[in-house]
């Protein structure tokens, strides 16, 4: 393999620059119908993507609202159940106290009757 001399290297660099310039000049202009068509297609795809993202966000928000409502309902049911339990305990305690008082009164009346 023979080493390249200076003139060959200069001409190779010149040819490479010309090839790059030709490649750049082959690019279609901004007002070319194909470029405009691709830009419109990309805009349509982007708009459709934005719509899908908005729909997903709306579904996510609706699901979060539904879950929050379920949690609220469960909390309300739990609170109502606790209230019922507390009321039943109070009623049971009052009934038990009344039974104790009645038994005490009966013992007192029996003792008075014996005297």
C-alpha atoms as a PDB file:
ATOM      1  CA  UNK A   1       0.000   0.000   0.000  1.00  0.00           C
ATOM      2  CA  UNK A   2       1.450   3.282  -1.121  1.00  0.00           C
ATOM      3  CA  UNK A   3       1.146   6.230   1.270  1.00  0.00           C
ATOM      4  CA  UNK A   4      -0.899   9.130  -0.041  1.00  0.00           C
ATOM      5  CA  UNK A   5       0.899  12.318  -0.833  1.00  0.00           C
ATOM      6  CA  UNK A   6      -0.283  15.765   0.194  1.00  0.00           C
ATOM      7  CA  UNK A   7      -2.152  16.547  -3.035  1.00  0.00           C
ATOM      8  CA  UNK A   8      -4.088  13.270  -2.863  1.00  0.00           C
ATOM      9  CA  UNK A   9      -5.128  14.010   0.707  1.00  0.00           C
ATOM     10  CA  UNK A  10      -6.221  17.536  -0.259  1.00  0.00           C
ATOM     11  CA  UNK A  11      -8.300  16.238  -3.146  1.00  0.00           C
ATOM     12  CA  UNK A  12      -9.878  13.527  -0.916  1.00  0.00           C
ATOM     13  CA  UNK A  13     -10.834  16.180   1.658  1.00  0.00           C
ATOM     14  CA  UNK A  14     -12.208  18.410  -1.124  1.00  0.00           C
ATOM     15  CA  UNK A  15     -14.251  15.504  -2.507  1.00  0.00           C
ATOM     16  CA  UNK A  16     -15.600  14.692   0.982  1.00  0.00           C
ATOM     17  CA  UNK A  17     -16.631  18.332   1.504  1.00  0.00           C
ATOM     18  CA  UNK A  18     -18.335  18.415  -1.883  1.00  0.00           C
ATOM     19  CA  UNK A  19     -20.174  15.156  -1.103  1.00  0.00           C
ATOM     20  CA  UNK A  20     -21.395  16.592   2.218  1.00  0.00           C
ATOM     21  CA  UNK A  21     -22.513  19.801   0.511  1.00  0.00           C
ATOM     22  CA  UNK A  22     -24.341  17.821  -2.185  1.00  0.00           C
ATOM     23  CA  UNK A  23     -26.026  15.697   0.451  1.00  0.00           C
ATOM     24  CA  UNK A  24     -27.147  18.802   2.324  1.00  0.00           C
ATOM     25  CA  UNK A  25     -28.424  20.450  -0.869  1.00  0.00           C
ATOM     26  CA  UNK A  26     -30.466  17.342  -1.696  1.00  0.00           C
ATOM     27  CA  UNK A  27     -32.581  17.894   1.413  1.00  0.00           C
ATOM     28  CA  UNK A  28     -36.064  19.150   0.554  1.00  0.00           C
ATOM     29  CA  UNK A  29     -37.002  22.718   1.472  1.00  0.00           C
ATOM     30  CA  UNK A  30     -39.396  23.599   4.292  1.00  0.00           C
ATOM     31  CA  UNK A  31     -42.198  24.373   1.834  1.00  0.00           C
ATOM     32  CA  UNK A  32     -41.796  21.085  -0.046  1.00  0.00           C
ATOM     33  CA  UNK A  33     -45.174  19.228  -0.126  1.00  0.00           C
ATOM     34  CA  UNK A  34     -43.646  16.033   1.258  1.00  0.00           C
ATOM     35  CA  UNK A  35     -42.109  17.911   4.197  1.00  0.00           C
ATOM     36  CA  UNK A  36     -45.372  19.748   4.854  1.00  0.00           C
ATOM     37  CA  UNK A  37     -47.276  16.460   4.697  1.00  0.00           C
ATOM     38  CA  UNK A  38     -44.891  14.818   7.220  1.00  0.00           C
ATOM     39  CA  UNK A  39     -45.170  17.848   9.516  1.00  0.00           C
ATOM     40  CA  UNK A  40     -48.983  17.621   9.397  1.00  0.00           C
ATOM     41  CA  UNK A  41     -48.865  13.873  10.082  1.00  0.00           C
ATOM     42  CA  UNK A  42     -46.547  14.417  13.077  1.00  0.00           C
ATOM     43  CA  UNK A  43     -48.862  17.133  14.403  1.00  0.00           C
ATOM     44  CA  UNK A  44     -51.848  14.778  14.079  1.00  0.00           C
ATOM     45  CA  UNK A  45     -49.992  11.992  15.889  1.00  0.00           C
ATOM     46  CA  UNK A  46     -48.976  14.434  18.622  1.00  0.00           C
ATOM     47  CA  UNK A  47     -52.562  15.677  19.020  1.00  0.00           C
ATOM     48  CA  UNK A  48     -53.863  12.095  19.220  1.00  0.00           C
ATOM     49  CA  UNK A  49     -51.217  11.312  21.848  1.00  0.00           C
ATOM     50  CA  UNK A  50     -52.257  14.380  23.863  1.00  0.00           C
ATOM     51  CA  UNK A  51     -55.897  13.241  23.708  1.00  0.00           C
ATOM     52  CA  UNK A  52     -54.954   9.755  24.923  1.00  0.00           C
ATOM     53  CA  UNK A  53     -52.885  11.224  27.764  1.00  0.00           C
ATOM     54  CA  UNK A  54     -55.798  13.453  28.770  1.00  0.00           C
ATOM     55  CA  UNK A  55     -58.188  10.474  28.688  1.00  0.00           C
ATOM     56  CA  UNK A  56     -55.842   8.410  30.861  1.00  0.00           C
ATOM     57  CA  UNK A  57     -55.530  11.297  33.306  1.00  0.00           C
ATOM     58  CA  UNK A  58     -59.311  11.687  33.449  1.00  0.00           C
ATOM     59  CA  UNK A  59     -59.714   7.943  34.073  1.00  0.00           C
ATOM     60  CA  UNK A  60     -57.078   8.079  36.791  1.00  0.00           C
ATOM     61  CA  UNK A  61     -58.787  11.023  38.479  1.00  0.00           C
ATOM     62  CA  UNK A  62     -62.185   9.307  38.248  1.00  0.00           C
ATOM     63  CA  UNK A  63     -60.744   6.132  39.753  1.00  0.00           C
ATOM     64  CA  UNK A  64     -59.112   8.113  42.560  1.00  0.00           C
ATOM     65  CA  UNK A  65     -62.427   9.861  43.256  1.00  0.00           C
ATOM     66  CA  UNK A  66     -64.249   6.515  43.290  1.00  0.00           C
ATOM     67  CA  UNK A  67     -61.704   5.020  45.672  1.00  0.00           C
ATOM     68  CA  UNK A  68     -61.913   8.071  47.928  1.00  0.00           C
ATOM     69  CA  UNK A  69     -65.713   7.783  47.988  1.00  0.00           C
ATOM     70  CA  UNK A  70     -65.421   4.086  48.862  1.00  0.00           C
ATOM     71  CA  UNK A  71     -62.988   4.904  51.665  1.00  0.00           C
ATOM     72  CA  UNK A  72     -65.357   7.586  52.967  1.00  0.00           C
ATOM     73  CA  UNK A  73     -68.280   5.158  52.854  1.00  0.00           C
ATOM     74  CA  UNK A  74     -66.276   2.492  54.669  1.00  0.00           C
ATOM     75  CA  UNK A  75     -65.176   5.013  57.284  1.00  0.00           C
ATOM     76  CA  UNK A  76     -68.785   6.148  57.760  1.00  0.00           C
ATOM     77  CA  UNK A  77     -69.949   2.524  58.086  1.00  0.00           C
ATOM     78  CA  UNK A  78     -67.187   1.838  60.576  1.00  0.00           C
ATOM     79  CA  UNK A  79     -68.099   4.934  62.603  1.00  0.00           C
ATOM     80  CA  UNK A  80     -71.794   3.960  62.556  1.00  0.00           C
ATOM     81  CA  UNK A  81     -70.909   0.441  63.643  1.00  0.00           C
ATOM     82  CA  UNK A  82     -68.810   1.823  66.501  1.00  0.00           C
ATOM     83  CA  UNK A  83     -71.704   4.090  67.529  1.00  0.00           C
ATOM     84  CA  UNK A  84     -74.115   1.158  67.490  1.00  0.00           C
ATOM     85  CA  UNK A  85     -71.696  -0.940  69.516  1.00  0.00           C
ATOM     86  CA  UNK A  86     -71.206   1.866  72.028  1.00  0.00           C
ATOM     87  CA  UNK A  87     -74.986   2.403  72.289  1.00  0.00           C
ATOM     88  CA  UNK A  88     -75.550  -1.325  72.761  1.00  0.00           C
ATOM     89  CA  UNK A  89     -72.884  -1.416  75.453  1.00  0.00           C
ATOM     90  CA  UNK A  90     -74.448   1.568  77.214  1.00  0.00           C
ATOM     91  CA  UNK A  91     -77.916  -0.041  77.004  1.00  0.00           C
ATOM     92  CA  UNK A  92     -76.535  -3.331  78.284  1.00  0.00           C
ATOM     93  CA  UNK A  93     -74.735  -1.542  81.112  1.00  0.00           C
ATOM     94  CA  UNK A  94     -77.917   0.388  82.025  1.00  0.00           C
ATOM     95  CA  UNK A  95     -79.993  -2.819  81.924  1.00  0.00           C
ATOM     96  CA  UNK A  96     -77.428  -4.628  84.081  1.00  0.00           C
ATOM     97  CA  UNK A  97     -77.378  -1.713  86.534  1.00  0.00           C
ATOM     98  CA  UNK A  98     -81.188  -1.713  86.680  1.00  0.00           C
ATOM     99  CA  UNK A  99     -81.200  -5.479  87.343  1.00  0.00           C
ATOM    100  CA  UNK A 100     -78.637  -5.029  90.121  1.00  0.00           C
ATOM    101  CA  UNK A 101     -80.695  -2.228  91.645  1.00  0.00           C
ATOM    102  CA  UNK A 102     -83.874  -4.313  91.444  1.00  0.00           C
ATOM    103  CA  UNK A 103     -82.126  -7.265  93.112  1.00  0.00           C
ATOM    104  CA  UNK A 104     -80.730  -4.960  95.825  1.00  0.00           C
ATOM    105  CA  UNK A 105     -84.174  -3.427  96.382  1.00  0.00           C
ATOM    106  CA  UNK A 106     -85.723  -6.901  96.556  1.00  0.00           C
ATOM    107  CA  UNK A 107     -83.153  -7.951  99.161  1.00  0.00           C
ATOM    108  CA  UNK A 108     -83.814  -4.771 101.133  1.00  0.00           C
ATOM    109  CA  UNK A 109     -87.605  -5.298 100.948  1.00  0.00           C
ATOM    110  CA  UNK A 110     -87.212  -8.946 102.034  1.00  0.00           C
ATOM    111  CA  UNK A 111     -85.058  -7.908 104.975  1.00  0.00           C
ATOM    112  CA  UNK A 112     -87.647  -5.283 105.989  1.00  0.00           C
ATOM    113  CA  UNK A 113     -90.408  -7.859 105.648  1.00  0.00           C
ATOM    114  CA  UNK A 114     -88.582 -10.239 108.013  1.00  0.00           C
ATOM    115  CA  UNK A 115     -88.198  -7.621 110.696  1.00  0.00           C
END
